[in-house]
């Protein structure tokens, strides 16, 4: 019986570690994009789109389509980079 209990404790510890890792990643992501919820939403949308394009790139065999997908991924990368840069200061009138 002791071994089963230790397995549960180990599983609980791994789950708690994973929760802690996810919370830390969430904090870092918020800091990178300066806490702006709209920028966070847009960045997440771009990351999801990039993941989908990478999946399509891996599945396609047509060279022209591969070129299109690589171009689209590069565009998403540039948009993500622009989001990670701090926003310009507001102009005073």
Protein backbone atom coordinates (compact mmCIF):
# COMPACT_ATOMS: atom_id res chain seq x y z
CA UNK A 1 0.00 0.00 0.00
CA UNK A 2 2.85 2.39 0.69
CA UNK A 3 4.00 2.35 -2.94
CA UNK A 4 0.58 3.41 -4.24
CA UNK A 5 0.48 6.31 -1.81
CA UNK A 6 3.94 7.45 -2.85
CA UNK A 7 2.85 7.36 -6.50
CA UNK A 8 -0.08 9.65 -5.71
CA UNK A 9 2.17 12.04 -3.82
CA UNK A 10 4.60 12.10 -6.75
CA UNK A 11 1.76 12.75 -9.19
CA UNK A 12 0.44 15.58 -7.00
CA UNK A 13 3.92 17.10 -6.82
CA UNK A 14 4.29 16.94 -10.62
CA UNK A 15 0.88 18.52 -11.10
CA UNK A 16 1.72 21.34 -8.68
CA UNK A 17 5.06 21.93 -10.44
CA UNK A 18 3.27 22.14 -13.79
CA UNK A 19 0.74 24.61 -12.38
CA UNK A 20 3.59 26.73 -11.04
CA UNK A 21 5.35 26.62 -14.43
CA UNK A 22 2.19 27.72 -16.22
CA UNK A 23 1.63 30.59 -13.80
CA UNK A 24 5.23 31.74 -14.25
CA UNK A 25 4.90 31.57 -18.04
CA UNK A 26 1.69 33.59 -17.84
CA UNK A 27 3.43 36.27 -15.77
CA UNK A 28 6.35 36.44 -18.22
CA UNK A 29 4.03 36.71 -21.21
CA UNK A 30 2.19 39.59 -19.53
CA UNK A 31 5.44 41.40 -18.81
CA UNK A 32 6.72 41.02 -22.34
CA UNK A 33 3.60 42.63 -23.77
CA UNK A 34 3.37 45.27 -21.05
CA UNK A 35 0.14 43.96 -19.55
CA UNK A 36 -2.13 45.35 -22.26
CA UNK A 37 -4.97 42.82 -22.57
CA UNK A 38 -5.61 43.69 -26.22
CA UNK A 39 -1.94 43.15 -27.11
CA UNK A 40 -1.95 39.86 -25.20
CA UNK A 41 -5.04 38.69 -27.08
CA UNK A 42 -3.56 39.69 -30.42
CA UNK A 43 -0.25 37.97 -29.65
CA UNK A 44 -2.02 34.76 -28.66
CA UNK A 45 -4.06 34.87 -31.85
CA UNK A 46 -0.89 35.32 -33.92
CA UNK A 47 0.82 32.44 -32.12
CA UNK A 48 -2.14 30.15 -32.80
CA UNK A 49 -2.19 31.17 -36.46
CA UNK A 50 1.55 30.50 -36.70
CA UNK A 51 1.09 27.04 -35.19
CA UNK A 52 -1.59 26.24 -37.76
CA UNK A 53 0.57 27.46 -40.63
CA UNK A 54 3.50 25.35 -39.40
CA UNK A 55 1.21 22.32 -39.32
CA UNK A 56 0.11 23.02 -42.88
CA UNK A 57 3.72 23.54 -43.97
CA UNK A 58 4.67 20.16 -42.59
CA UNK A 59 1.81 18.47 -44.43
CA UNK A 60 2.10 20.11 -47.85
CA UNK A 61 4.20 18.79 -50.72
CA UNK A 62 3.56 21.51 -53.31
CA UNK A 63 6.54 23.89 -53.55
CA UNK A 64 4.51 27.01 -54.37
CA UNK A 65 2.26 26.40 -51.36
CA UNK A 66 5.32 25.87 -49.15
CA UNK A 67 6.67 29.23 -50.31
CA UNK A 68 3.33 30.91 -49.51
CA UNK A 69 3.23 29.35 -46.05
CA UNK A 70 6.82 30.36 -45.27
CA UNK A 71 6.02 33.91 -46.31
CA UNK A 72 2.92 33.96 -44.11
CA UNK A 73 4.90 32.61 -41.14
CA UNK A 74 7.54 35.32 -41.64
CA UNK A 75 4.79 37.95 -41.65
CA UNK A 76 3.34 36.57 -38.41
CA UNK A 77 6.81 36.57 -36.85
CA UNK A 78 7.30 40.23 -37.74
CA UNK A 79 3.91 41.12 -36.26
CA UNK A 80 4.72 39.23 -33.05
CA UNK A 81 8.06 41.02 -32.80
CA UNK A 82 6.32 44.37 -33.24
CA UNK A 83 3.90 43.49 -30.43
CA UNK A 84 6.74 42.60 -28.09
CA UNK A 85 8.40 45.98 -28.59
CA UNK A 86 7.19 48.58 -26.10
CA UNK A 87 4.47 50.86 -27.43
CA UNK A 88 5.62 54.35 -28.47
CA UNK A 89 4.97 57.08 -25.90
CA UNK A 90 1.77 59.02 -26.40
CA UNK A 91 2.14 62.41 -28.03
CA UNK A 92 1.10 65.47 -26.10
CA UNK A 93 -1.05 68.00 -27.87
